[in-house]
Amino acid sequence: MSDKPPSTTNRRNFLQLMATLAIGGQALIKSGSLRAAIAEATASTDGWPQMTYRKLGRTGFNGSRLVFGCGAALSRGQAVNLLEPAFSAGVNVFDVGYGDYYGAAERNLGPFLKEKGDKIFSISKAPGGLRVGPNESVSVAKASEAANVWLKQMDKSLSEMQVEHVDAYYIMGTNSPSFVRSEEIHNAFQKAKQAGKVSYFGISTHENAQAVTEAAIETGWYDLMQIAITPAGWYDWNSKSVLPGTKSMVALQPLLARAREAGIGLIGMKAGRHLAGRGFLAGKAANAFDPFYDLKFLATDLNTFQRSYAFVLAHGLDAVNADMQIYQHLRENFVAVATSQDHFTA
């Protein structure tokens, strides 16, 4: 037996093996399936269904119907290891956000963006710093100030990601139809586009979403919208639940259709967030969307979160954004999205 210490390479391989065994053991306990345990330990995507794709509005990009939400997932680098498996399986749209909210997410996504280049569609976002009520009129001076803040945040985003260009940049979390209609924010986007920093203009909204969507349609300026919507209707950020009095998603389909006819690619978020509940209600809302499903859909082997993703995709959205921080959630969300339409065909 040699007295020589193991080489650095051998030591690294040994540590990787031990980590794999540990993860696999945990997966085996959870699932009771050796195959599932091996897949989780190696982040294998073997045997997954084929991803489905749709043109994202007037961008013309044929995007995966599952968007990898990188904000919370990469804020501390915890899900960097899932980026490559997601891409290998067919995910080609990656959404992140500015550092003041999402920590180091943009920085952690940067190397992946540079490596994949034109093979993926990159999105980031930042607010304009406006503090206005949902129905408050925004003055030209306020809109101009907010637009300048937004442009500076875009420059910070590009710097954090160490890239010169991002495919789309959103006004993040806007609740103001007045700001959405302002020439100042549109001119700011055009300035950034002419400088080669961004190609497409978008909005993310989870408050006053119906009015914001109407405003975006009216302007004809926006290429993408990320909206907080569930099978039961609009999701409300303030209450962290379904918006009281909302129309169901089926009843909202005419509005969604008008947005898509206006060239806006529609990406959903928070589709299943309400199901988790909050505080002492955690888990109490697990079946909250069941009344909106028919018996055939309820009989599928999808779990409650998977059903919410599959349903919103089949009823008006082009794609759904999901926060995926562990392999299990990546796999579950992928399966739900890739098989969504199968559950709603005659």
Protein backbone atom coordinates (compact mmCIF):
# COMPACT_ATOMS: atom_id res chain seq x y z
CA MET A 1 0.00 0.00 0.00
CA SER A 2 1.41 3.38 -0.99
CA ASP A 3 2.13 6.00 1.68
CA LYS A 4 1.72 8.80 -0.87
CA PRO A 5 -1.20 11.18 -0.29
CA PRO A 6 -3.99 10.95 -2.87
CA SER A 7 -3.67 13.34 -5.78
CA THR A 8 -5.84 16.45 -5.92
CA THR A 9 -7.75 14.94 -8.84
CA ASN A 10 -8.42 11.69 -7.03
CA ARG A 11 -9.47 13.56 -3.90
CA ARG A 12 -11.86 15.73 -5.90
CA ASN A 13 -13.37 12.69 -7.60
CA PHE A 14 -13.77 10.99 -4.24
CA LEU A 15 -15.55 14.00 -2.75
CA GLN A 16 -17.82 14.24 -5.79
CA LEU A 17 -18.65 10.55 -5.47
CA MET A 18 -19.46 10.92 -1.78
CA ALA A 19 -21.69 13.94 -2.49
CA THR A 20 -23.47 12.02 -5.22
CA LEU A 21 -24.06 9.08 -2.91
CA ALA A 22 -25.42 11.39 -0.22
CA ILE A 23 -27.85 13.09 -2.58
CA GLY A 24 -28.84 9.76 -4.09
CA GLY A 25 -29.48 8.31 -0.65
CA GLN A 26 -31.77 11.18 0.25
CA ALA A 27 -33.64 10.81 -3.04
CA LEU A 28 -33.99 7.08 -2.50
CA ILE A 29 -35.55 7.68 0.91
CA LYS A 30 -37.98 10.22 -0.56
CA SER A 31 -39.03 8.30 -3.65
CA GLY A 32 -38.34 4.67 -2.85
CA SER A 33 -37.08 4.38 -6.44
CA LEU A 34 -33.45 3.58 -7.21
CA ARG A 35 -33.87 4.97 -10.73
CA ALA A 36 -35.23 8.26 -9.39
CA ALA A 37 -32.45 8.41 -6.82
CA ILE A 38 -29.75 8.01 -9.47
CA ALA A 39 -31.42 10.60 -11.71
CA GLU A 40 -31.60 13.16 -8.92
CA ALA A 41 -28.03 12.54 -7.80
CA THR A 42 -26.69 13.09 -11.31
CA ALA A 43 -29.31 15.66 -12.41
CA SER A 44 -30.09 13.37 -15.33
CA THR A 45 -32.88 14.32 -17.72
CA ASP A 46 -33.03 10.93 -19.40
CA GLY A 47 -36.59 9.81 -20.05
CA TRP A 48 -38.12 13.28 -19.71
CA PRO A 49 -40.80 14.19 -22.26
CA GLN A 50 -40.03 16.50 -25.19
CA MET A 51 -40.28 20.19 -24.34
CA THR A 52 -42.88 22.15 -26.29
CA TYR A 53 -42.25 25.59 -27.82
CA ARG A 54 -44.15 28.67 -28.90
CA LYS A 55 -43.25 31.92 -30.62
CA LEU A 56 -42.96 34.64 -27.96
CA GLY A 57 -45.06 37.40 -29.45
CA ARG A 58 -43.41 39.66 -31.97
CA THR A 59 -39.94 38.63 -30.77
CA GLY A 60 -40.30 35.70 -33.16
CA PHE A 61 -38.21 33.57 -30.80
CA ASN A 62 -39.37 29.97 -30.54
CA GLY A 63 -39.24 29.77 -26.76
CA SER A 64 -39.64 26.81 -24.43
CA ARG A 65 -42.98 26.95 -22.65
CA LEU A 66 -41.08 26.59 -19.38
CA VAL A 67 -39.04 29.65 -18.43
CA PHE A 68 -36.28 29.09 -15.89
CA GLY A 69 -36.85 31.73 -13.20
CA CYS A 70 -33.32 32.57 -12.10
CA GLY A 71 -34.02 35.38 -9.62
CA ALA A 72 -34.51 33.66 -6.27
CA ALA A 73 -32.95 30.44 -7.59
CA LEU A 74 -29.57 32.05 -8.30
CA SER A 75 -29.63 34.78 -5.66
CA ARG A 76 -27.02 32.88 -3.65
CA GLY A 77 -25.92 30.54 -6.42
CA GLN A 78 -27.95 27.66 -5.02
CA ALA A 79 -29.39 26.43 -8.35
CA VAL A 80 -26.52 27.12 -10.75
CA ASN A 81 -26.10 23.36 -11.12
CA LEU A 82 -29.62 23.11 -12.61
CA LEU A 83 -29.01 25.49 -15.52
CA GLU A 84 -27.20 23.00 -17.72
CA PRO A 85 -29.65 20.11 -17.13
CA ALA A 86 -32.57 22.45 -17.89
CA PHE A 87 -30.91 23.63 -21.10
CA SER A 88 -29.98 20.08 -22.14
CA ALA A 89 -33.59 19.01 -21.66
CA GLY A 90 -34.85 21.84 -23.90
CA VAL A 91 -35.37 24.96 -21.77
CA ASN A 92 -34.12 27.96 -23.75
CA VAL A 93 -35.61 30.99 -21.93
CA PHE A 94 -33.94 32.25 -18.75
CA ASP A 95 -35.35 35.12 -16.67
CA VAL A 96 -33.48 36.97 -13.93
CA GLY A 97 -33.66 40.40 -12.25
CA TYR A 98 -31.72 43.29 -10.79
CA GLY A 99 -29.33 42.87 -7.87
CA ASP A 100 -31.00 45.12 -5.31
CA TYR A 101 -33.85 42.58 -5.18
CA TYR A 102 -32.30 39.32 -6.38
CA GLY A 103 -28.85 39.51 -4.81
CA ALA A 104 -26.14 37.91 -6.93
CA ALA A 105 -28.55 36.24 -9.38
CA GLU A 106 -27.47 38.20 -12.46
CA ARG A 107 -23.80 37.68 -11.62
CA ASN A 108 -24.34 33.96 -11.16
CA LEU A 109 -26.22 33.67 -14.45
CA GLY A 110 -23.60 35.61 -16.42
CA PRO A 111 -21.17 32.78 -17.28
CA PHE A 112 -24.04 30.60 -18.52
CA LEU A 113 -25.37 33.42 -20.74
CA LYS A 114 -21.99 34.01 -22.29
CA GLU A 115 -21.47 30.32 -22.92
CA LYS A 116 -24.85 29.71 -24.57
CA GLY A 117 -25.04 32.94 -26.56
CA ASP A 118 -27.79 32.98 -29.19
CA LYS A 119 -28.96 29.49 -28.22
CA ILE A 120 -31.05 30.99 -25.42
CA PHE A 121 -33.35 33.96 -24.85
CA SER A 122 -32.25 36.10 -21.91
CA ILE A 123 -34.53 38.36 -19.84
CA SER A 124 -33.79 40.67 -16.93
CA LYS A 125 -35.79 43.41 -15.26
CA ALA A 126 -35.85 46.32 -12.83
CA PRO A 127 -38.45 48.80 -11.59
CA GLY A 128 -38.38 52.48 -12.28
CA GLY A 129 -38.57 53.32 -8.58
CA LEU A 130 -42.05 54.84 -8.87
CA ARG A 131 -44.23 54.85 -5.76
CA VAL A 132 -47.70 55.56 -7.02
CA GLY A 133 -51.15 54.14 -6.51
CA PRO A 134 -52.49 51.76 -9.16
CA ASN A 135 -54.83 54.40 -10.58
CA GLU A 136 -52.66 57.46 -9.96
CA SER A 137 -51.71 59.57 -12.95
CA VAL A 138 -47.92 59.84 -13.42
CA SER A 139 -46.63 63.28 -14.38
CA VAL A 140 -44.14 63.76 -17.20
CA ALA A 141 -41.46 64.74 -14.67
CA LYS A 142 -42.05 61.62 -12.56
CA ALA A 143 -42.14 59.37 -15.60
CA SER A 144 -38.92 60.88 -16.92
CA GLU A 145 -37.18 60.36 -13.57
CA ALA A 146 -38.40 56.77 -13.35
CA ALA A 147 -37.30 56.04 -16.92
CA ASN A 148 -33.79 57.31 -16.15
CA VAL A 149 -33.63 55.10 -13.03
CA TRP A 150 -34.72 52.14 -15.14
CA LEU A 151 -31.98 52.80 -17.72
CA LYS A 152 -29.33 52.99 -15.00
CA GLN A 153 -30.57 49.71 -13.57
CA MET A 154 -30.30 48.15 -17.02
CA ASP A 155 -26.66 49.23 -17.23
CA LYS A 156 -26.03 47.66 -13.81
CA SER A 157 -27.71 44.46 -14.95
CA LEU A 158 -25.51 44.20 -18.04
CA SER A 159 -22.45 44.86 -15.90
CA GLU A 160 -23.45 42.20 -13.37
CA MET A 161 -24.04 39.64 -16.13
CA GLN A 162 -20.84 40.77 -17.91
CA VAL A 163 -22.64 41.00 -21.23
CA GLU A 164 -23.25 43.89 -23.60
CA HIS A 165 -26.77 42.87 -24.59
CA VAL A 166 -29.84 41.21 -23.11
CA ASP A 167 -32.68 39.97 -25.30
CA ALA A 168 -35.48 41.57 -23.25
CA TYR A 169 -35.65 43.94 -20.31
CA TYR A 170 -38.84 44.48 -18.30
CA ILE A 171 -40.32 47.24 -16.23
CA MET A 172 -40.51 45.12 -13.11
CA GLY A 173 -43.56 44.88 -10.86
CA THR A 174 -45.42 47.82 -12.34
CA ASN A 175 -48.96 48.58 -11.18
CA SER A 176 -49.35 51.86 -13.05
CA PRO A 177 -51.19 51.99 -16.39
CA SER A 178 -50.21 55.66 -16.56
CA PHE A 179 -46.49 54.80 -16.49
CA VAL A 180 -47.00 51.96 -18.97
CA ARG A 181 -48.51 54.53 -21.39
CA SER A 182 -45.84 57.18 -20.81
CA GLU A 183 -43.74 58.28 -23.78
CA GLU A 184 -40.83 58.71 -21.37
CA ILE A 185 -40.44 54.99 -20.61
CA HIS A 186 -40.94 54.07 -24.27
CA ASN A 187 -38.29 56.58 -25.33
CA ALA A 188 -35.91 55.18 -22.71
CA PHE A 189 -36.32 51.69 -24.16
CA GLN A 190 -35.77 52.98 -27.70
CA LYS A 191 -32.57 54.69 -26.55
CA ALA A 192 -31.27 51.45 -25.02
CA LYS A 193 -32.26 49.46 -28.11
CA GLN A 194 -30.46 51.87 -30.45
CA ALA A 195 -27.37 51.51 -28.26
CA GLY A 196 -27.49 47.75 -28.77
CA LYS A 197 -28.19 46.95 -25.13
CA VAL A 198 -31.59 45.29 -25.54
CA SER A 199 -33.88 44.05 -28.31
CA TYR A 200 -37.33 43.69 -26.74
CA PHE A 201 -39.49 45.64 -24.29
CA GLY A 202 -41.50 43.99 -21.53
CA ILE A 203 -43.52 44.35 -18.32
CA SER A 204 -43.90 42.19 -15.26
CA THR A 205 -46.94 42.81 -13.07
CA HIS A 206 -48.70 41.17 -10.15
CA GLU A 207 -50.81 44.10 -8.98
CA ASN A 208 -53.55 45.82 -11.00
CA ALA A 209 -52.62 43.37 -13.74
CA GLN A 210 -55.81 43.69 -15.75
CA ALA A 211 -55.51 47.46 -16.14
CA VAL A 212 -51.77 47.20 -16.84
CA THR A 213 -52.45 44.59 -19.54
CA GLU A 214 -55.12 46.81 -21.13
CA ALA A 215 -52.67 49.72 -21.19
CA ALA A 216 -49.92 47.63 -22.76
CA ILE A 217 -52.28 46.44 -25.50
CA GLU A 218 -53.39 50.01 -26.17
CA THR A 219 -49.84 51.34 -26.68
CA GLY A 220 -48.63 48.67 -29.09
CA TRP A 221 -45.11 49.10 -27.66
CA TYR A 222 -44.61 45.96 -25.62
CA ASP A 223 -43.23 42.66 -26.87
CA LEU A 224 -43.58 40.59 -23.70
CA MET A 225 -45.59 40.57 -20.48
CA GLN A 226 -45.05 38.46 -17.39
CA ILE A 227 -48.34 38.32 -15.50
CA ALA A 228 -49.31 36.77 -12.18
CA ILE A 229 -52.24 34.54 -13.06
CA THR A 230 -53.71 31.28 -11.77
CA PRO A 231 -56.48 28.90 -12.87
CA ALA A 232 -58.76 30.90 -10.52
CA GLY A 233 -57.77 34.25 -12.07
CA TRP A 234 -55.37 37.04 -11.15
CA TYR A 235 -52.87 36.51 -8.32
CA ASP A 236 -52.43 39.52 -6.02
CA TRP A 237 -48.97 40.33 -4.64
CA ASN A 238 -50.31 42.31 -1.70
CA SER A 239 -52.52 39.57 -0.28
CA LYS A 240 -50.26 36.74 -1.54
CA SER A 241 -53.38 34.96 -2.76
CA VAL A 242 -55.93 34.98 -5.56
CA LEU A 243 -57.26 38.50 -6.09
CA PRO A 244 -60.68 38.83 -4.45
CA GLY A 245 -63.43 39.20 -7.03
CA THR A 246 -61.22 38.22 -9.96
CA LYS A 247 -62.67 36.55 -13.03
CA SER A 248 -61.43 32.99 -13.53
CA MET A 249 -58.69 32.42 -16.06
CA VAL A 250 -61.17 30.91 -18.51
CA ALA A 251 -63.23 34.12 -18.28
CA LEU A 252 -60.05 36.19 -18.81
CA GLN A 253 -59.20 34.42 -22.07
CA PRO A 254 -60.62 37.18 -24.34
CA LEU A 255 -58.23 39.71 -22.73
CA LEU A 256 -55.29 37.33 -23.07
CA ALA A 257 -56.21 36.70 -26.70
CA ARG A 258 -56.26 40.44 -27.42
CA ALA A 259 -52.80 40.79 -25.88
CA ARG A 260 -51.43 38.03 -28.04
CA GLU A 261 -53.12 39.50 -31.12
CA ALA A 262 -51.32 42.75 -30.29
CA GLY A 263 -48.00 40.90 -30.59
CA ILE A 264 -47.37 40.47 -26.87
CA GLY A 265 -45.87 37.18 -25.73
CA LEU A 266 -47.53 36.16 -22.46
CA ILE A 267 -45.52 34.50 -19.70
CA GLY A 268 -47.24 33.49 -16.47
CA MET A 269 -45.83 33.63 -12.97
CA LYS A 270 -47.19 32.68 -9.53
CA ALA A 271 -49.43 30.08 -11.22
CA GLY A 272 -49.23 27.76 -8.22
CA ARG A 273 -47.97 30.04 -5.45
CA HIS A 274 -51.38 30.31 -3.76
CA LEU A 275 -51.46 26.53 -3.26
CA ALA A 276 -48.62 26.67 -0.75
CA GLY A 277 -50.51 29.05 1.54
CA ARG A 278 -48.63 31.23 4.01
CA GLY A 279 -48.06 31.26 7.76
CA PHE A 280 -50.58 29.15 9.64
CA LEU A 281 -52.44 28.56 6.36
CA ALA A 282 -49.44 26.80 4.80
CA GLY A 283 -50.71 23.81 2.86
CA LYS A 284 -54.37 24.60 3.57
CA ALA A 285 -54.95 25.84 0.02
CA ALA A 286 -53.48 22.77 -1.70
CA ASN A 287 -56.72 21.97 -3.54
CA ALA A 288 -57.90 25.56 -4.05
CA PHE A 289 -57.97 25.30 -7.85
CA ASP A 290 -59.77 21.94 -8.06
CA PRO A 291 -63.20 23.56 -8.69
CA PHE A 292 -61.81 24.99 -11.94
CA TYR A 293 -60.77 21.56 -13.28
CA ASP A 294 -62.89 18.89 -14.92
CA LEU A 295 -62.91 15.33 -13.64
CA LYS A 296 -60.64 14.08 -16.41
CA PHE A 297 -57.93 16.57 -15.49
CA LEU A 298 -58.31 15.88 -11.78
CA ALA A 299 -57.73 12.19 -12.51
CA THR A 300 -54.27 12.77 -14.01
CA ASP A 301 -51.20 11.79 -12.05
CA LEU A 302 -49.99 15.39 -11.89
CA ASN A 303 -49.68 16.93 -8.43
CA THR A 304 -51.54 20.12 -7.55
CA PHE A 305 -48.69 22.43 -8.53
CA GLN A 306 -48.16 20.64 -11.84
CA ARG A 307 -51.86 20.96 -12.62
CA SER A 308 -51.78 24.73 -12.13
CA TYR A 309 -48.90 25.09 -14.62
CA ALA A 310 -50.47 22.77 -17.17
CA PHE A 311 -53.83 24.55 -16.92
CA VAL A 312 -52.59 28.12 -17.40
CA LEU A 313 -50.56 27.07 -20.44
CA ALA A 314 -53.59 25.44 -22.02
CA HIS A 315 -55.80 28.48 -21.40
CA GLY A 316 -54.03 31.49 -22.85
CA LEU A 317 -50.34 31.68 -21.94
CA ASP A 318 -47.33 31.14 -24.17
CA ALA A 319 -45.02 30.10 -21.34
CA VAL A 320 -44.82 29.89 -17.56
CA ASN A 321 -41.98 31.12 -15.36
CA ALA A 322 -41.02 28.82 -12.49
CA ASP A 323 -38.62 29.24 -9.58
CA MET A 324 -36.76 25.92 -9.42
CA GLN A 325 -34.10 25.49 -6.76
CA ILE A 326 -33.91 21.70 -6.53
CA TYR A 327 -33.85 18.94 -9.13
CA GLN A 328 -37.23 17.55 -8.07
CA HIS A 329 -39.00 20.84 -8.83
CA LEU A 330 -37.22 21.24 -12.15
CA ARG A 331 -38.34 17.76 -13.19
CA GLU A 332 -41.93 18.21 -11.97
CA ASN A 333 -42.35 21.58 -13.65
CA PHE A 334 -40.75 20.35 -16.85
CA VAL A 335 -43.11 17.37 -17.06
CA ALA A 336 -46.18 19.54 -16.35
CA VAL A 337 -45.27 22.03 -19.06
CA ALA A 338 -44.15 19.51 -21.66
CA THR A 339 -47.35 17.46 -21.31
CA SER A 340 -49.78 20.33 -20.73
CA GLN A 341 -51.63 20.19 -24.02
CA ASP A 342 -51.99 16.41 -23.83
CA HIS A 343 -54.49 16.83 -20.99
CA PHE A 344 -56.75 19.25 -22.89
CA THR A 345 -57.09 17.67 -26.30
CA ALA A 346 -60.39 16.15 -27.38
